[in-house]
C-alpha cells in the first residue's frame, strides 16, 4: 500500500480535465477569475457554453476556484 494521497473533492477531477480539454488547471482558474460572471452556477453555465466543458468538470473547477478565493 502506498502512502501517496489521492486528491479528494473537486481536485479529483483535475487530471481528467487537463487530459480531456488540454489546458492546465491554473489556466482554467484564471479564466474563471476573469469571467464577467461571479455566481457559482453562472460560471458553470459559462464554462459549459463558451468552453464546452461537461457539467461535472465545470462544477468542480468553479467550486475549487471559489473556495480558494474565499479562503484568501
PDB file of N, CA and C in Angstrom:
ATOM      1  N   UNK A   1       0.846  -1.182   0.000  1.00  0.00           N
ATOM      2  CA  UNK A   1       0.000   0.000   0.000  1.00  0.00           C
ATOM      3  C   UNK A   1       0.889   1.242   0.000  1.00  0.00           C
ATOM      4  N   UNK A   2       0.571   2.186  -0.873  1.00  0.00           N
ATOM      5  CA  UNK A   2       1.377   3.396  -0.961  1.00  0.00           C
ATOM      6  C   UNK A   2       0.852   4.450  -0.008  1.00  0.00           C
ATOM      7  N   UNK A   3       1.712   5.406   0.279  1.00  0.00           N
ATOM      8  CA  UNK A   3       1.360   6.471   1.203  1.00  0.00           C
ATOM      9  C   UNK A   3       1.043   7.771   0.459  1.00  0.00           C
ATOM     10  N   UNK A   4       0.868   7.699  -0.867  1.00  0.00           N
ATOM     11  CA  UNK A   4       0.533   8.903  -1.623  1.00  0.00           C
ATOM     12  C   UNK A   4      -0.933   9.240  -1.401  1.00  0.00           C
ATOM     13  N   UNK A   5      -1.198  10.521  -1.396  1.00  0.00           N
ATOM     14  CA  UNK A   5      -2.558  10.962  -1.124  1.00  0.00           C
ATOM     15  C   UNK A   5      -3.302  11.208  -2.422  1.00  0.00           C
ATOM     16  N   UNK A   6      -4.461  10.607  -2.551  1.00  0.00           N
ATOM     17  CA  UNK A   6      -5.308  10.811  -3.711  1.00  0.00           C
ATOM     18  C   UNK A   6      -6.128  12.073  -3.489  1.00  0.00           C
ATOM     19  N   UNK A   7      -6.195  12.951  -4.498  1.00  0.00           N
ATOM     20  CA  UNK A   7      -7.000  14.162  -4.320  1.00  0.00           C
ATOM     21  C   UNK A   7      -8.456  13.819  -4.051  1.00  0.00           C
ATOM     22  N   UNK A   8      -9.068  14.603  -3.215  1.00  0.00           N
ATOM     23  CA  UNK A   8     -10.470  14.402  -2.868  1.00  0.00           C
ATOM     24  C   UNK A   8     -11.285  15.588  -3.363  1.00  0.00           C
ATOM     25  N   UNK A   9     -12.577  15.415  -3.453  1.00  0.00           N
ATOM     26  CA  UNK A   9     -13.466  16.504  -3.841  1.00  0.00           C
ATOM     27  C   UNK A   9     -13.205  16.984  -5.255  1.00  0.00           C
ATOM     28  N   UNK A  10     -13.401  18.286  -5.491  1.00  0.00           N
ATOM     29  CA  UNK A  10     -13.257  18.823  -6.847  1.00  0.00           C
ATOM     30  C   UNK A  10     -11.894  18.548  -7.477  1.00  0.00           C
ATOM     31  N   UNK A  11     -10.835  18.554  -6.684  1.00  0.00           N
ATOM     32  CA  UNK A  11      -9.488  18.349  -7.230  1.00  0.00           C
ATOM     33  C   UNK A  11      -9.319  16.965  -7.839  1.00  0.00           C
ATOM     34  N   UNK A  12     -10.157  16.010  -7.451  1.00  0.00           N
ATOM     35  CA  UNK A  12     -10.043  14.665  -8.014  1.00  0.00           C
ATOM     36  C   UNK A  12     -10.366  14.649  -9.509  1.00  0.00           C
ATOM     37  N   UNK A  13     -11.056  15.671  -9.996  1.00  0.00           N
ATOM     38  CA  UNK A  13     -11.385  15.778 -11.417  1.00  0.00           C
ATOM     39  C   UNK A  13     -10.244  16.385 -12.244  1.00  0.00           C
ATOM     40  N   UNK A  14      -9.298  17.036 -11.601  1.00  0.00           N
ATOM     41  CA  UNK A  14      -8.304  17.828 -12.328  1.00  0.00           C
ATOM     42  C   UNK A  14      -7.493  17.055 -13.371  1.00  0.00           C
ATOM     43  N   UNK A  15      -6.982  15.851 -13.061  1.00  0.00           N
ATOM     44  CA  UNK A  15      -6.221  15.140 -14.100  1.00  0.00           C
ATOM     45  C   UNK A  15      -7.048  14.869 -15.360  1.00  0.00           C
ATOM     46  N   UNK A  16      -8.302  14.460 -15.184  1.00  0.00           N
ATOM     47  CA  UNK A  16      -9.119  14.179 -16.365  1.00  0.00           C
ATOM     48  C   UNK A  16      -9.518  15.461 -17.092  1.00  0.00           C
ATOM     49  N   UNK A  17      -9.681  16.563 -16.382  1.00  0.00           N
ATOM     50  CA  UNK A  17      -9.990  17.845 -17.029  1.00  0.00           C
ATOM     51  C   UNK A  17      -8.813  18.271 -17.898  1.00  0.00           C
ATOM     52  N   UNK A  18      -7.612  18.198 -17.365  1.00  0.00           N
ATOM     53  CA  UNK A  18      -6.423  18.580 -18.135  1.00  0.00           C
ATOM     54  C   UNK A  18      -6.258  17.687 -19.360  1.00  0.00           C
ATOM     55  N   UNK A  19      -6.481  16.399 -19.184  1.00  0.00           N
ATOM     56  CA  UNK A  19      -6.322  15.457 -20.292  1.00  0.00           C
ATOM     57  C   UNK A  19      -7.382  15.688 -21.365  1.00  0.00           C
ATOM     58  N   UNK A  20      -8.627  15.868 -20.953  1.00  0.00           N
ATOM     59  CA  UNK A  20      -9.723  15.977 -21.921  1.00  0.00           C
ATOM     60  C   UNK A  20      -9.717  17.307 -22.669  1.00  0.00           C
ATOM     61  N   UNK A  21      -9.425  18.408 -21.968  1.00  0.00           N
ATOM     62  CA  UNK A  21      -9.567  19.730 -22.580  1.00  0.00           C
ATOM     63  C   UNK A  21      -8.235  20.386 -22.946  1.00  0.00           C
ATOM     64  N   UNK A  22      -7.114  19.779 -22.552  1.00  0.00           N
ATOM     65  CA  UNK A  22      -5.809  20.230 -23.000  1.00  0.00           C
ATOM     66  C   UNK A  22      -5.301  21.536 -22.414  1.00  0.00           C
ATOM     67  N   UNK A  23      -5.861  21.954 -21.303  1.00  0.00           N
ATOM     68  CA  UNK A  23      -5.386  23.170 -20.630  1.00  0.00           C
ATOM     69  C   UNK A  23      -5.041  22.836 -19.193  1.00  0.00           C
ATOM     70  N   UNK A  24      -3.994  23.467 -18.656  1.00  0.00           N
ATOM     71  CA  UNK A  24      -3.681  23.234 -17.236  1.00  0.00           C
ATOM     72  C   UNK A  24      -4.761  23.858 -16.340  1.00  0.00           C
ATOM     73  N   UNK A  25      -4.900  23.312 -15.156  1.00  0.00           N
ATOM     74  CA  UNK A  25      -5.908  23.790 -14.203  1.00  0.00           C
ATOM     75  C   UNK A  25      -5.710  25.270 -13.894  1.00  0.00           C
ATOM     76  N   UNK A  26      -4.464  25.710 -13.777  1.00  0.00           N
ATOM     77  CA  UNK A  26      -4.203  27.129 -13.480  1.00  0.00           C
ATOM     78  C   UNK A  26      -4.817  28.041 -14.543  1.00  0.00           C
ATOM     79  N   UNK A  27      -4.791  27.593 -15.781  1.00  0.00           N
ATOM     80  CA  UNK A  27      -5.374  28.392 -16.875  1.00  0.00           C
ATOM     81  C   UNK A  27      -6.895  28.466 -16.740  1.00  0.00           C
ATOM     82  N   UNK A  28      -7.517  27.350 -16.385  1.00  0.00           N
ATOM     83  CA  UNK A  28      -8.973  27.359 -16.170  1.00  0.00           C
ATOM     84  C   UNK A  28      -9.340  28.287 -15.013  1.00  0.00           C
ATOM     85  N   UNK A  29      -8.553  28.240 -13.942  1.00  0.00           N
ATOM     86  CA  UNK A  29      -8.827  29.102 -12.786  1.00  0.00           C
ATOM     87  C   UNK A  29      -8.684  30.571 -13.160  1.00  0.00           C
ATOM     88  N   UNK A  30      -7.686  30.899 -13.972  1.00  0.00           N
ATOM     89  CA  UNK A  30      -7.529  32.281 -14.434  1.00  0.00           C
ATOM     90  C   UNK A  30      -8.732  32.711 -15.261  1.00  0.00           C
ATOM     91  N   UNK A  31      -9.215  31.818 -16.126  1.00  0.00           N
ATOM     92  CA  UNK A  31     -10.401  32.131 -16.927  1.00  0.00           C
ATOM     93  C   UNK A  31     -11.611  32.396 -16.030  1.00  0.00           C
ATOM     94  N   UNK A  32     -11.795  31.539 -15.037  1.00  0.00           N
ATOM     95  CA  UNK A  32     -12.934  31.703 -14.120  1.00  0.00           C
ATOM     96  C   UNK A  32     -12.826  33.038 -13.381  1.00  0.00           C
ATOM     97  N   UNK A  33     -11.636  33.357 -12.912  1.00  0.00           N
ATOM     98  CA  UNK A  33     -11.451  34.599 -12.152  1.00  0.00           C
ATOM     99  C   UNK A  33     -11.622  35.842 -13.023  1.00  0.00           C
ATOM    100  N   UNK A  34     -11.407  35.730 -14.323  1.00  0.00           N
ATOM    101  CA  UNK A  34     -11.543  36.888 -15.199  1.00  0.00           C
ATOM    102  C   UNK A  34     -12.912  36.954 -15.873  1.00  0.00           C
ATOM    103  N   UNK A  35     -13.755  35.970 -15.627  1.00  0.00           N
ATOM    104  CA  UNK A  35     -15.087  35.938 -16.241  1.00  0.00           C
ATOM    105  C   UNK A  35     -15.961  37.051 -15.674  1.00  0.00           C
ATOM    106  N   UNK A  36     -16.874  37.569 -16.496  1.00  0.00           N
ATOM    107  CA  UNK A  36     -17.781  38.608 -16.001  1.00  0.00           C
ATOM    108  C   UNK A  36     -18.780  38.073 -14.964  1.00  0.00           C
ATOM    109  N   UNK A  37     -19.045  36.778 -15.002  1.00  0.00           N
ATOM    110  CA  UNK A  37     -19.959  36.162 -14.041  1.00  0.00           C
ATOM    111  C   UNK A  37     -19.251  35.984 -12.700  1.00  0.00           C
ATOM    112  N   UNK A  38     -20.031  36.009 -11.636  1.00  0.00           N
ATOM    113  CA  UNK A  38     -19.436  35.827 -10.310  1.00  0.00           C
ATOM    114  C   UNK A  38     -20.122  34.727  -9.509  1.00  0.00           C
ATOM    115  N   UNK A  39     -21.346  34.368  -9.865  1.00  0.00           N
ATOM    116  CA  UNK A  39     -22.074  33.355  -9.099  1.00  0.00           C
ATOM    117  C   UNK A  39     -21.741  31.954  -9.613  1.00  0.00           C
ATOM    118  N   UNK A  40     -21.780  31.005  -8.706  1.00  0.00           N
ATOM    119  CA  UNK A  40     -21.349  29.637  -8.999  1.00  0.00           C
ATOM    120  C   UNK A  40     -22.017  29.072 -10.261  1.00  0.00           C
ATOM    121  N   UNK A  41     -23.322  29.005 -10.290  1.00  0.00           N
ATOM    122  CA  UNK A  41     -23.999  28.364 -11.420  1.00  0.00           C
ATOM    123  C   UNK A  41     -23.874  29.175 -12.706  1.00  0.00           C
ATOM    124  N   UNK A  42     -23.738  30.486 -12.598  1.00  0.00           N
ATOM    125  CA  UNK A  42     -23.493  31.297 -13.794  1.00  0.00           C
ATOM    126  C   UNK A  42     -22.143  30.933 -14.404  1.00  0.00           C
ATOM    127  N   UNK A  43     -21.143  30.748 -13.555  1.00  0.00           N
ATOM    128  CA  UNK A  43     -19.808  30.365 -14.024  1.00  0.00           C
ATOM    129  C   UNK A  43     -19.820  28.957 -14.624  1.00  0.00           C
ATOM    130  N   UNK A  44     -20.549  28.047 -14.007  1.00  0.00           N
ATOM    131  CA  UNK A  44     -20.658  26.683 -14.532  1.00  0.00           C
ATOM    132  C   UNK A  44     -21.286  26.723 -15.926  1.00  0.00           C
ATOM    133  N   UNK A  45     -22.380  27.458 -16.067  1.00  0.00           N
ATOM    134  CA  UNK A  45     -23.051  27.568 -17.368  1.00  0.00           C
ATOM    135  C   UNK A  45     -22.135  28.196 -18.408  1.00  0.00           C
ATOM    136  N   UNK A  46     -21.394  29.208 -18.002  1.00  0.00           N
ATOM    137  CA  UNK A  46     -20.465  29.889 -18.911  1.00  0.00           C
ATOM    138  C   UNK A  46     -19.385  28.928 -19.407  1.00  0.00           C
ATOM    139  N   UNK A  47     -18.805  28.141 -18.501  1.00  0.00           N
ATOM    140  CA  UNK A  47     -17.783  27.172 -18.911  1.00  0.00           C
ATOM    141  C   UNK A  47     -18.369  26.133 -19.866  1.00  0.00           C
ATOM    142  N   UNK A  48     -19.596  25.723 -19.620  1.00  0.00           N
ATOM    143  CA  UNK A  48     -20.241  24.728 -20.469  1.00  0.00           C
ATOM    144  C   UNK A  48     -20.526  25.290 -21.864  1.00  0.00           C
ATOM    145  N   UNK A  49     -21.072  26.500 -21.937  1.00  0.00           N
ATOM    146  CA  UNK A  49     -21.462  27.046 -23.234  1.00  0.00           C
ATOM    147  C   UNK A  49     -20.287  27.632 -23.998  1.00  0.00           C
ATOM    148  N   UNK A  50     -19.398  28.341 -23.323  1.00  0.00           N
ATOM    149  CA  UNK A  50     -18.299  29.024 -24.008  1.00  0.00           C
ATOM    150  C   UNK A  50     -17.086  28.124 -24.244  1.00  0.00           C
ATOM    151  N   UNK A  51     -16.896  27.140 -23.386  1.00  0.00           N
ATOM    152  CA  UNK A  51     -15.677  26.332 -23.466  1.00  0.00           C
ATOM    153  C   UNK A  51     -15.934  24.838 -23.640  1.00  0.00           C
ATOM    154  N   UNK A  52     -17.196  24.436 -23.689  1.00  0.00           N
ATOM    155  CA  UNK A  52     -17.540  23.054 -23.979  1.00  0.00           C
ATOM    156  C   UNK A  52     -17.260  22.048 -22.880  1.00  0.00           C
ATOM    157  N   UNK A  53     -17.141  22.500 -21.650  1.00  0.00           N
ATOM    158  CA  UNK A  53     -16.908  21.572 -20.556  1.00  0.00           C
ATOM    159  C   UNK A  53     -18.198  20.849 -20.189  1.00  0.00           C
ATOM    160  N   UNK A  54     -18.041  19.639 -19.675  1.00  0.00           N
ATOM    161  CA  UNK A  54     -19.177  18.921 -19.127  1.00  0.00           C
ATOM    162  C   UNK A  54     -19.560  19.533 -17.784  1.00  0.00           C
ATOM    163  N   UNK A  55     -20.774  19.246 -17.330  1.00  0.00           N
ATOM    164  CA  UNK A  55     -21.266  19.854 -16.096  1.00  0.00           C
ATOM    165  C   UNK A  55     -20.392  19.526 -14.886  1.00  0.00           C
ATOM    166  N   UNK A  56     -20.032  18.256 -14.722  1.00  0.00           N
ATOM    167  CA  UNK A  56     -19.231  17.854 -13.560  1.00  0.00           C
ATOM    168  C   UNK A  56     -17.866  18.530 -13.537  1.00  0.00           C
ATOM    169  N   UNK A  57     -17.222  18.604 -14.682  1.00  0.00           N
ATOM    170  CA  UNK A  57     -15.911  19.249 -14.762  1.00  0.00           C
ATOM    171  C   UNK A  57     -16.018  20.738 -14.490  1.00  0.00           C
ATOM    172  N   UNK A  58     -17.007  21.382 -15.092  1.00  0.00           N
ATOM    173  CA  UNK A  58     -17.194  22.821 -14.871  1.00  0.00           C
ATOM    174  C   UNK A  58     -17.494  23.096 -13.404  1.00  0.00           C
ATOM    175  N   UNK A  59     -18.361  22.304 -12.816  1.00  0.00           N
ATOM    176  CA  UNK A  59     -18.743  22.477 -11.423  1.00  0.00           C
ATOM    177  C   UNK A  59     -17.540  22.304 -10.498  1.00  0.00           C
ATOM    178  N   UNK A  60     -16.703  21.305 -10.764  1.00  0.00           N
ATOM    179  CA  UNK A  60     -15.520  21.062  -9.935  1.00  0.00           C
ATOM    180  C   UNK A  60     -14.547  22.231 -10.012  1.00  0.00           C
ATOM    181  N   UNK A  61     -14.311  22.749 -11.218  1.00  0.00           N
ATOM    182  CA  UNK A  61     -13.395  23.886 -11.377  1.00  0.00           C
ATOM    183  C   UNK A  61     -13.913  25.125 -10.650  1.00  0.00           C
ATOM    184  N   UNK A  62     -15.192  25.415 -10.818  1.00  0.00           N
ATOM    185  CA  UNK A  62     -15.770  26.599 -10.177  1.00  0.00           C
ATOM    186  C   UNK A  62     -15.750  26.452  -8.661  1.00  0.00           C
ATOM    187  N   UNK A  63     -16.162  25.303  -8.164  1.00  0.00           N
ATOM    188  CA  UNK A  63     -16.194  25.086  -6.712  1.00  0.00           C
ATOM    189  C   UNK A  63     -14.807  25.253  -6.101  1.00  0.00           C
ATOM    190  N   UNK A  64     -13.805  24.673  -6.717  1.00  0.00           N
ATOM    191  CA  UNK A  64     -12.447  24.735  -6.183  1.00  0.00           C
ATOM    192  C   UNK A  64     -11.902  26.159  -6.249  1.00  0.00           C
ATOM    193  N   UNK A  65     -12.139  26.840  -7.365  1.00  0.00           N
ATOM    194  CA  UNK A  65     -11.629  28.204  -7.533  1.00  0.00           C
ATOM    195  C   UNK A  65     -12.291  29.160  -6.548  1.00  0.00           C
ATOM    196  N   UNK A  66     -13.602  29.091  -6.409  1.00  0.00           N
ATOM    197  CA  UNK A  66     -14.307  29.978  -5.480  1.00  0.00           C
ATOM    198  C   UNK A  66     -13.907  29.689  -4.032  1.00  0.00           C
ATOM    199  N   UNK A  67     -13.710  28.421  -3.708  1.00  0.00           N
ATOM    200  CA  UNK A  67     -13.284  28.072  -2.348  1.00  0.00           C
ATOM    201  C   UNK A  67     -11.904  28.642  -2.052  1.00  0.00           C
ATOM    202  N   UNK A  68     -10.992  28.579  -3.018  1.00  0.00           N
ATOM    203  CA  UNK A  68      -9.661  29.171  -2.843  1.00  0.00           C
ATOM    204  C   UNK A  68      -9.760  30.675  -2.628  1.00  0.00           C
ATOM    205  N   UNK A  69     -10.570  31.318  -3.459  1.00  0.00           N
ATOM    206  CA  UNK A  69     -10.692  32.774  -3.371  1.00  0.00           C
ATOM    207  C   UNK A  69     -11.341  33.212  -2.059  1.00  0.00           C
ATOM    208  N   UNK A  70     -12.303  32.439  -1.573  1.00  0.00           N
ATOM    209  CA  UNK A  70     -12.983  32.775  -0.315  1.00  0.00           C
ATOM    210  C   UNK A  70     -12.103  32.511   0.895  1.00  0.00           C
ATOM    211  N   UNK A  71     -11.115  31.626   0.743  1.00  0.00           N
ATOM    212  CA  UNK A  71     -10.220  31.313   1.850  1.00  0.00           C
ATOM    213  C   UNK A  71      -9.101  32.349   1.984  1.00  0.00           C
ATOM    214  N   UNK A  72      -8.880  33.094   0.921  1.00  0.00           N
ATOM    215  CA  UNK A  72      -7.779  34.075   0.916  1.00  0.00           C
ATOM    216  C   UNK A  72      -8.104  35.302   1.740  1.00  0.00           C
TER     217      UNK A  72
END
